[in-house]
């Protein structure tokens, strides 16, 4: 995680923008692995996450079938995701 900049949010609060990398790997051959990069926006005063964007390659490998007739399934692709949080009081 590396600080890229600070900037005001729409509500006037100060936010820190970080470059982030998320790596998920398992050492065995039957697993999902991914290396995602993106940005994390955090409200400085509260340390609450305001937004996250991530994208990168993902792969999955799985062994299937009965003993003596097993086969390997391999999938590869790219994942993109974005999440925004809206913190405000709700009247009930």
N, C-alpha and C. Protein backbone atom coordinates (compact mmCIF):
# COMPACT_ATOMS: atom_id res chain seq x y z
N UNK A 1 0.86 -1.15 0.00
CA UNK A 1 0.00 0.00 0.00
C UNK A 1 0.92 1.23 0.00
N UNK A 2 0.61 2.16 -0.91
CA UNK A 2 1.43 3.37 -1.05
C UNK A 2 0.51 4.57 -1.18
N UNK A 3 0.79 5.61 -0.40
CA UNK A 3 -0.01 6.83 -0.45
C UNK A 3 0.26 7.56 -1.76
N UNK A 4 -0.82 7.85 -2.51
CA UNK A 4 -0.70 8.57 -3.77
C UNK A 4 -0.98 10.06 -3.59
N UNK A 5 -2.04 10.37 -2.83
CA UNK A 5 -2.43 11.77 -2.66
C UNK A 5 -3.43 11.89 -1.53
N UNK A 6 -3.66 13.13 -1.10
CA UNK A 6 -4.78 13.44 -0.22
C UNK A 6 -5.65 14.44 -0.97
N UNK A 7 -6.97 14.34 -0.71
CA UNK A 7 -7.89 15.25 -1.41
C UNK A 7 -9.18 15.34 -0.60
N UNK A 8 -9.94 16.42 -0.80
CA UNK A 8 -11.21 16.54 -0.08
C UNK A 8 -12.29 15.68 -0.73
N UNK A 9 -13.17 15.15 0.10
CA UNK A 9 -14.35 14.43 -0.37
C UNK A 9 -15.47 15.43 -0.62
N UNK A 10 -16.56 14.97 -1.19
CA UNK A 10 -17.71 15.83 -1.47
C UNK A 10 -18.28 16.46 -0.20
N UNK A 11 -18.15 15.74 0.95
CA UNK A 11 -18.68 16.25 2.22
C UNK A 11 -17.68 17.17 2.93
N UNK A 12 -16.52 17.43 2.31
CA UNK A 12 -15.51 18.31 2.89
C UNK A 12 -14.46 17.60 3.71
N UNK A 13 -14.67 16.34 4.05
CA UNK A 13 -13.69 15.59 4.83
C UNK A 13 -12.45 15.30 3.97
N UNK A 14 -11.30 15.17 4.64
CA UNK A 14 -10.07 14.87 3.92
C UNK A 14 -9.97 13.36 3.69
N UNK A 15 -9.53 12.98 2.49
CA UNK A 15 -9.37 11.57 2.14
C UNK A 15 -7.95 11.31 1.70
N UNK A 16 -7.48 10.11 1.98
CA UNK A 16 -6.18 9.65 1.51
C UNK A 16 -6.43 8.60 0.43
N UNK A 17 -5.71 8.71 -0.68
CA UNK A 17 -5.84 7.76 -1.78
C UNK A 17 -4.56 6.92 -1.82
N UNK A 18 -4.74 5.60 -1.74
CA UNK A 18 -3.62 4.67 -1.72
C UNK A 18 -3.63 3.77 -2.95
N UNK A 19 -2.46 3.44 -3.46
CA UNK A 19 -2.31 2.37 -4.46
C UNK A 19 -2.20 1.07 -3.67
N UNK A 20 -2.99 0.05 -4.06
CA UNK A 20 -2.97 -1.21 -3.32
C UNK A 20 -2.79 -2.40 -4.26
N UNK A 21 -2.27 -3.48 -3.69
CA UNK A 21 -2.13 -4.75 -4.40
C UNK A 21 -2.65 -5.85 -3.49
N UNK A 22 -3.49 -6.70 -4.03
CA UNK A 22 -4.05 -7.83 -3.30
C UNK A 22 -3.63 -9.10 -4.02
N UNK A 23 -2.90 -9.96 -3.32
CA UNK A 23 -2.42 -11.21 -3.91
C UNK A 23 -3.01 -12.37 -3.12
N UNK A 24 -3.62 -13.32 -3.84
CA UNK A 24 -4.16 -14.53 -3.21
C UNK A 24 -3.62 -15.72 -3.99
N UNK A 25 -2.85 -16.57 -3.32
CA UNK A 25 -2.28 -17.75 -3.97
C UNK A 25 -2.24 -18.90 -2.98
N UNK A 26 -2.38 -20.10 -3.52
CA UNK A 26 -2.17 -21.31 -2.73
C UNK A 26 -1.08 -22.11 -3.41
N UNK A 27 -0.25 -22.77 -2.63
CA UNK A 27 0.87 -23.51 -3.23
C UNK A 27 0.46 -24.76 -4.01
N UNK A 28 -0.72 -25.34 -3.71
CA UNK A 28 -1.13 -26.54 -4.44
C UNK A 28 -1.74 -26.18 -5.79
N UNK A 29 -1.91 -27.18 -6.61
CA UNK A 29 -2.36 -26.95 -7.99
C UNK A 29 -3.88 -26.80 -8.10
N UNK A 30 -4.62 -27.13 -7.04
CA UNK A 30 -6.08 -27.05 -7.12
C UNK A 30 -6.56 -25.86 -6.31
N UNK A 31 -6.40 -24.69 -6.85
CA UNK A 31 -6.75 -23.49 -6.10
C UNK A 31 -7.06 -22.33 -7.03
N UNK A 32 -7.49 -21.25 -6.42
CA UNK A 32 -7.72 -20.00 -7.12
C UNK A 32 -6.56 -19.08 -6.79
N UNK A 33 -6.05 -18.37 -7.78
CA UNK A 33 -5.01 -17.38 -7.52
C UNK A 33 -5.36 -16.10 -8.27
N UNK A 34 -4.96 -14.98 -7.67
CA UNK A 34 -5.22 -13.69 -8.30
C UNK A 34 -4.21 -12.67 -7.81
N UNK A 35 -3.96 -11.69 -8.66
CA UNK A 35 -3.14 -10.54 -8.29
C UNK A 35 -3.87 -9.30 -8.78
N UNK A 36 -4.51 -8.60 -7.83
CA UNK A 36 -5.32 -7.45 -8.16
C UNK A 36 -4.62 -6.17 -7.72
N UNK A 37 -4.71 -5.14 -8.55
CA UNK A 37 -4.16 -3.84 -8.21
C UNK A 37 -5.26 -2.80 -8.34
N UNK A 38 -5.12 -1.71 -7.61
CA UNK A 38 -6.12 -0.66 -7.69
C UNK A 38 -5.89 0.43 -6.69
N UNK A 39 -7.00 1.06 -6.27
CA UNK A 39 -6.93 2.20 -5.35
C UNK A 39 -7.90 2.01 -4.19
N UNK A 40 -7.48 2.53 -3.05
CA UNK A 40 -8.29 2.55 -1.84
C UNK A 40 -8.39 4.01 -1.41
N UNK A 41 -9.61 4.50 -1.22
CA UNK A 41 -9.84 5.87 -0.74
C UNK A 41 -10.36 5.75 0.70
N UNK A 42 -9.65 6.40 1.63
CA UNK A 42 -9.97 6.31 3.04
C UNK A 42 -10.16 7.70 3.64
N UNK A 43 -11.23 7.86 4.41
CA UNK A 43 -11.45 9.11 5.14
C UNK A 43 -10.43 9.20 6.26
N UNK A 44 -9.64 10.28 6.29
CA UNK A 44 -8.51 10.39 7.21
C UNK A 44 -8.97 10.41 8.67
N UNK A 45 -9.94 11.22 9.02
CA UNK A 45 -10.34 11.39 10.42
C UNK A 45 -10.89 10.12 11.05
N UNK A 46 -11.62 9.32 10.28
CA UNK A 46 -12.28 8.13 10.84
C UNK A 46 -11.64 6.82 10.42
N UNK A 47 -10.73 6.86 9.45
CA UNK A 47 -10.12 5.65 8.86
C UNK A 47 -11.15 4.74 8.20
N UNK A 48 -12.30 5.29 7.82
CA UNK A 48 -13.32 4.50 7.12
C UNK A 48 -13.01 4.45 5.64
N UNK A 49 -13.20 3.28 5.06
CA UNK A 49 -13.00 3.12 3.63
C UNK A 49 -14.17 3.77 2.90
N UNK A 50 -13.86 4.62 1.94
CA UNK A 50 -14.87 5.30 1.15
C UNK A 50 -15.08 4.60 -0.19
N UNK A 51 -14.00 4.14 -0.81
CA UNK A 51 -14.10 3.47 -2.11
C UNK A 51 -12.90 2.57 -2.34
N UNK A 52 -13.13 1.49 -3.09
CA UNK A 52 -12.06 0.58 -3.49
C UNK A 52 -12.31 0.17 -4.94
N UNK A 53 -11.27 0.21 -5.75
CA UNK A 53 -11.34 -0.33 -7.11
C UNK A 53 -10.17 -1.29 -7.27
N UNK A 54 -10.44 -2.45 -7.83
CA UNK A 54 -9.41 -3.47 -8.04
C UNK A 54 -9.63 -4.13 -9.39
N UNK A 55 -8.53 -4.53 -10.02
CA UNK A 55 -8.63 -5.34 -11.24
C UNK A 55 -7.34 -6.10 -11.45
N UNK A 56 -7.46 -7.22 -12.16
CA UNK A 56 -6.28 -8.01 -12.47
C UNK A 56 -6.63 -9.43 -12.87
N UNK A 57 -5.59 -10.21 -13.13
CA UNK A 57 -5.81 -11.59 -13.59
C UNK A 57 -6.24 -12.52 -12.46
N UNK A 58 -7.06 -13.50 -12.82
CA UNK A 58 -7.51 -14.51 -11.88
C UNK A 58 -7.46 -15.86 -12.59
N UNK A 59 -7.07 -16.89 -11.87
CA UNK A 59 -7.06 -18.23 -12.46
C UNK A 59 -7.52 -19.24 -11.42
N UNK A 60 -8.14 -20.30 -11.92
CA UNK A 60 -8.63 -21.36 -11.04
C UNK A 60 -8.28 -22.70 -11.68
N UNK A 61 -7.90 -23.63 -10.83
CA UNK A 61 -7.56 -24.96 -11.29
C UNK A 61 -8.18 -25.96 -10.33
N UNK A 62 -8.77 -27.03 -10.90
CA UNK A 62 -9.46 -28.01 -10.06
C UNK A 62 -9.36 -29.38 -10.70
N UNK A 63 -9.10 -30.39 -9.88
CA UNK A 63 -9.08 -31.77 -10.34
C UNK A 63 -10.44 -32.39 -10.07
N UNK A 64 -11.00 -33.06 -11.08
CA UNK A 64 -12.33 -33.67 -10.96
C UNK A 64 -12.29 -35.11 -11.47
N UNK A 65 -13.35 -35.83 -11.16
CA UNK A 65 -13.51 -37.19 -11.67
C UNK A 65 -13.07 -38.25 -10.68
N UNK A 66 -13.47 -39.51 -10.95
CA UNK A 66 -13.12 -40.62 -10.07
C UNK A 66 -11.66 -41.03 -10.24
N UNK A 67 -11.16 -41.75 -9.27
CA UNK A 67 -9.79 -42.25 -9.34
C UNK A 67 -9.62 -43.09 -10.61
N UNK A 68 -8.58 -42.86 -11.33
CA UNK A 68 -8.34 -43.54 -12.59
C UNK A 68 -8.93 -42.83 -13.80
N UNK A 69 -9.80 -41.87 -13.56
CA UNK A 69 -10.40 -41.13 -14.66
C UNK A 69 -10.44 -39.63 -14.36
N UNK A 70 -9.46 -39.18 -13.59
CA UNK A 70 -9.45 -37.77 -13.21
C UNK A 70 -9.01 -36.87 -14.36
N UNK A 71 -9.51 -35.66 -14.31
CA UNK A 71 -9.12 -34.65 -15.30
C UNK A 71 -8.98 -33.30 -14.62
N UNK A 72 -8.25 -32.43 -15.24
CA UNK A 72 -7.95 -31.11 -14.69
C UNK A 72 -8.78 -30.04 -15.40
N UNK A 73 -9.41 -29.17 -14.64
CA UNK A 73 -10.12 -28.02 -15.21
C UNK A 73 -9.32 -26.76 -14.88
N UNK A 74 -9.04 -25.96 -15.89
CA UNK A 74 -8.29 -24.71 -15.71
C UNK A 74 -9.08 -23.56 -16.32
N UNK A 75 -9.19 -22.47 -15.58
CA UNK A 75 -9.89 -21.28 -16.05
C UNK A 75 -9.00 -20.06 -15.80
N UNK A 76 -9.02 -19.14 -16.73
CA UNK A 76 -8.27 -17.89 -16.56
C UNK A 76 -9.12 -16.74 -17.05
N UNK A 77 -8.92 -15.57 -16.45
CA UNK A 77 -9.66 -14.39 -16.87
C UNK A 77 -9.18 -13.15 -16.14
N UNK A 78 -9.97 -12.12 -16.27
CA UNK A 78 -9.69 -10.85 -15.61
C UNK A 78 -10.90 -10.46 -14.79
N UNK A 79 -10.65 -9.95 -13.60
CA UNK A 79 -11.73 -9.50 -12.73
C UNK A 79 -11.57 -7.99 -12.52
N UNK A 80 -12.71 -7.31 -12.50
CA UNK A 80 -12.75 -5.88 -12.20
C UNK A 80 -13.86 -5.66 -11.18
N UNK A 81 -13.56 -4.88 -10.15
CA UNK A 81 -14.57 -4.60 -9.13
C UNK A 81 -14.41 -3.19 -8.60
N UNK A 82 -15.53 -2.62 -8.18
CA UNK A 82 -15.52 -1.29 -7.57
C UNK A 82 -16.60 -1.26 -6.49
N UNK A 83 -16.26 -0.70 -5.34
CA UNK A 83 -17.19 -0.59 -4.22
C UNK A 83 -17.09 0.82 -3.67
N UNK A 84 -18.23 1.43 -3.40
CA UNK A 84 -18.28 2.74 -2.75
C UNK A 84 -19.15 2.64 -1.52
N UNK A 85 -18.72 3.31 -0.44
CA UNK A 85 -19.48 3.33 0.80
C UNK A 85 -20.07 4.72 1.01
N UNK A 86 -21.28 4.75 1.54
CA UNK A 86 -21.95 6.01 1.82
C UNK A 86 -22.32 6.00 3.30
N UNK A 87 -21.58 6.75 4.10
CA UNK A 87 -21.81 6.80 5.54
C UNK A 87 -22.67 8.03 5.87
N UNK A 88 -23.86 7.79 6.38
CA UNK A 88 -24.70 8.89 6.83
C UNK A 88 -25.74 8.37 7.81
N UNK A 89 -26.21 9.24 8.64
CA UNK A 89 -27.22 8.86 9.63
C UNK A 89 -28.55 8.67 8.91
N UNK A 90 -29.28 7.66 9.36
CA UNK A 90 -30.58 7.36 8.78
C UNK A 90 -31.65 7.66 9.83
N UNK A 91 -32.66 8.40 9.45
CA UNK A 91 -33.77 8.69 10.35
C UNK A 91 -34.75 7.52 10.34
N UNK A 92 -35.21 7.16 11.50
CA UNK A 92 -36.18 6.06 11.60
C UNK A 92 -37.41 6.53 12.29
